[in-house]
Protein backbone atom coordinates (compact mmCIF):
# COMPACT_ATOMS: atom_id res chain seq x y z
CA MET A 1 21.59 -25.24 7.12
CA GLU A 2 21.96 -24.18 10.75
CA ARG A 3 22.45 -20.52 11.35
CA ASP A 4 24.05 -18.81 14.30
CA GLU A 5 22.01 -15.73 15.18
CA GLY A 6 25.13 -13.54 15.23
CA LYS A 7 26.82 -14.84 12.09
CA ASN A 8 26.14 -14.62 8.39
CA SER A 9 25.77 -17.65 6.13
CA SER A 10 29.54 -17.95 5.82
CA GLY A 11 29.88 -17.96 9.62
CA THR A 12 31.56 -14.56 9.92
CA ASP A 13 30.45 -11.26 11.32
CA GLY A 14 29.69 -8.59 8.74
CA ALA A 15 27.23 -6.60 6.67
CA GLU A 16 25.78 -9.70 4.99
CA ARG A 17 24.37 -11.29 8.14
CA VAL A 18 21.44 -13.64 7.76
CA ALA A 19 18.48 -12.27 9.69
CA VAL A 20 17.35 -14.90 12.17
CA ILE A 21 15.79 -13.59 15.34
CA GLY A 22 14.21 -16.00 17.76
CA ASP A 23 12.34 -18.55 15.69
CA PHE A 24 11.85 -16.20 12.72
CA ASP A 25 14.12 -16.87 9.78
CA VAL A 26 13.84 -13.96 7.34
CA GLU A 27 15.69 -15.83 4.59
CA GLU A 28 13.20 -18.70 4.76
CA PHE A 29 10.30 -16.25 4.85
CA LEU A 30 11.53 -14.40 1.74
CA ASP A 31 11.85 -17.71 -0.08
CA THR A 32 8.30 -18.62 0.96
CA VAL A 33 6.81 -15.38 -0.39
CA GLY A 34 8.90 -15.53 -3.57
CA PHE A 35 10.87 -12.33 -3.04
CA GLU A 36 13.18 -11.54 -5.96
CA GLU A 37 15.22 -8.38 -5.54
CA ARG A 38 15.78 -7.86 -9.27
CA SER A 39 12.04 -7.45 -9.86
CA ASN A 40 11.29 -5.47 -6.72
CA ILE A 41 11.53 -1.80 -5.86
CA LEU A 42 12.62 -2.71 -2.33
CA THR A 43 16.11 -3.91 -1.57
CA ARG A 44 16.60 -7.23 0.18
CA ARG A 45 17.71 -5.39 3.35
CA GLN A 46 14.58 -3.21 3.29
CA VAL A 47 12.37 -6.30 3.01
CA GLU A 48 14.26 -8.01 5.83
CA VAL A 49 13.80 -5.00 8.10
CA LEU A 50 10.09 -4.63 7.22
CA ALA A 51 9.47 -8.35 7.76
CA LEU A 52 11.06 -8.20 11.20
CA ARG A 53 9.35 -4.93 12.19
CA GLU A 54 5.94 -6.28 11.09
CA ARG A 55 6.52 -9.19 13.47
CA GLY A 56 7.11 -6.83 16.38
CA PHE A 57 10.90 -6.89 16.58
CA LYS A 58 12.48 -3.68 17.89
CA GLN A 59 14.90 -1.71 15.75
CA ALA A 60 17.67 -2.22 18.31
CA SER A 61 17.43 -6.02 18.21
CA ILE A 62 17.30 -5.95 14.40
CA ALA A 63 20.39 -3.72 14.37
CA ASP A 64 22.23 -6.14 16.67
CA GLN A 65 21.31 -9.06 14.43
CA LEU A 66 22.32 -7.29 11.23
CA GLY A 67 25.52 -5.84 12.68
CA THR A 68 24.54 -2.22 12.20
CA SER A 69 23.19 0.70 14.21
CA ARG A 70 19.60 1.29 15.29
CA ALA A 71 19.74 4.59 13.38
CA ASN A 72 20.67 2.71 10.20
CA VAL A 73 17.78 0.28 10.70
CA SER A 74 15.48 3.26 11.25
CA GLY A 75 16.68 4.81 7.97
CA ILE A 76 16.25 1.54 6.09
CA GLU A 77 12.73 1.15 7.47
CA ALA A 78 11.78 4.74 6.62
CA SER A 79 13.09 4.37 3.06
CA ALA A 80 11.28 1.07 2.65
CA ARG A 81 7.97 2.47 3.86
CA GLU A 82 8.37 5.49 1.56
CA ASN A 83 9.08 3.16 -1.38
CA VAL A 84 6.02 1.06 -0.54
CA ALA A 85 3.84 4.18 -0.42
CA LYS A 86 5.20 5.34 -3.79
CA ALA A 87 4.66 1.89 -5.31
CA ARG A 88 1.05 1.82 -4.09
CA GLU A 89 0.44 5.28 -5.54
CA THR A 90 2.03 4.22 -8.83
CA VAL A 91 -0.21 1.16 -9.06
CA ARG A 92 -3.25 3.31 -8.21
CA ILE A 93 -2.41 5.77 -10.99
CA ALA A 94 -1.75 2.95 -13.47
CA ASP A 95 -5.14 1.43 -12.61
CA LEU A 96 -6.85 4.78 -13.01
CA LEU A 97 -5.26 5.44 -16.40
CA SER A 98 -6.99 2.38 -17.79
CA ALA A 99 -10.18 2.66 -15.73
CA PRO A 100 -13.26 2.26 -17.94
CA VAL A 101 -15.52 4.46 -15.80
CA ARG A 102 -14.96 8.09 -14.91
CA VAL A 103 -17.88 10.13 -13.56
CA GLU A 104 -17.52 13.87 -13.02
CA ILE A 105 -19.61 15.15 -10.14
CA ALA A 106 -20.57 18.79 -10.51
CA ALA A 107 -20.20 21.29 -7.69
CA ASN A 108 -23.40 21.70 -5.64
CA SER A 109 -24.48 18.10 -6.36
CA ASP A 110 -26.48 16.07 -3.86
CA LEU A 111 -24.21 13.42 -2.34
CA TYR A 112 -27.09 10.94 -2.25
CA ASN A 113 -27.50 11.14 -6.06
CA VAL A 114 -23.89 10.22 -6.80
CA PRO A 115 -24.27 6.44 -6.40
CA TYR A 116 -26.97 6.43 -9.09
CA GLN A 117 -24.67 8.33 -11.48
CA VAL A 118 -21.81 5.91 -10.78
CA PHE A 119 -23.95 2.78 -11.06
CA ASP A 120 -25.48 3.99 -14.35
CA ALA A 121 -22.04 4.70 -15.84
CA CYS A 122 -20.80 1.30 -14.66
CA ASP A 123 -23.82 -0.44 -16.16
CA ASP A 124 -23.10 1.29 -19.48
CA ALA A 125 -19.46 0.12 -19.33
CA GLY A 126 -20.31 -3.40 -18.15
CA VAL A 127 -18.41 -2.95 -14.87
CA LYS A 128 -19.63 -4.28 -11.53
CA VAL A 129 -18.94 -1.88 -8.65
CA ASN A 130 -17.48 -3.48 -5.53
CA GLU A 131 -19.48 -1.21 -3.23
CA ASP A 132 -23.14 -0.60 -2.53
CA ALA A 133 -24.70 2.88 -2.32
CA PRO A 134 -24.05 3.49 1.41
CA GLU A 135 -20.40 2.36 1.03
CA LEU A 136 -19.98 4.62 -1.99
CA ILE A 137 -21.42 7.60 -0.09
CA ARG A 138 -19.10 6.84 2.82
CA ARG A 139 -16.07 6.60 0.49
CA ILE A 140 -16.90 9.96 -1.11
CA SER A 141 -17.48 11.55 2.29
CA ASP A 142 -14.14 10.23 3.56
CA ALA A 143 -12.24 11.42 0.49
CA ALA A 144 -13.83 14.87 0.28
CA ASP A 145 -15.19 15.56 3.75
CA ASP A 146 -14.06 19.19 3.79
CA VAL A 147 -15.98 20.02 0.57
CA ILE A 148 -19.23 18.37 1.65
CA GLU A 149 -21.72 20.35 3.65
CA GLY A 150 -24.72 18.32 4.76
CA ARG A 151 -25.58 16.44 1.56
CA GLU A 152 -24.16 19.07 -0.79
CA ILE A 153 -20.85 18.49 -2.56
CA ARG A 154 -19.44 22.04 -2.81
CA GLU A 155 -16.61 21.35 -5.33
CA ARG A 156 -16.25 19.22 -8.45
CA LEU A 157 -15.17 15.62 -7.90
CA VAL A 158 -14.38 12.67 -10.11
CA VAL A 159 -15.34 9.13 -9.21
CA THR A 160 -13.31 6.55 -11.13
CA VAL A 161 -14.09 2.84 -11.22
CA THR A 162 -11.49 0.36 -12.40
CA GLY A 163 -12.27 -2.69 -14.51
CA ASP A 164 -12.08 -4.70 -11.28
CA GLY A 165 -14.81 -2.53 -9.73
CA ASP A 166 -12.56 -0.61 -7.35
CA VAL A 167 -13.73 2.95 -6.66
CA TRP A 168 -11.50 6.00 -6.33
CA VAL A 169 -12.56 9.57 -5.56
CA HIS A 170 -10.54 12.58 -6.69
CA ARG A 171 -10.90 16.31 -6.53
CA ILE A 172 -10.68 18.32 -9.72
């Protein structure tokens, strides 16, 4: 079906415009990735706006295409990005709830000893860690930089490893 860039699928102006900007057809893209609104936390409009923004389109041109204001597109994008962040955090928490490995790191521990503790606990649980010792040290340093002084971890931490071997670091 041919689409006019300023018309919706029924050929009229309105809130239900089909998002086609340049050569990018959002409708076709959403079909390709299998987007189904009923099983998604994002609305169709939020996904359309994110898809266009991720391809470098300006909010003003998206607003023109969708028949709305730039401020509305900005609000849709902000809500979508907030929903994505919440969804990622929800998935992270769900993964951690079922994680087979949880290692508590005592205050005043040597950072360089932590990988051995984690690898031993993972061996006991039959889990393969996706990181080597230097990567694990770097991940802990990044997550708790303000409580690490030299090699000393000044506050208690928890290192959790999911069944897939993903590592998460939390403060207690």
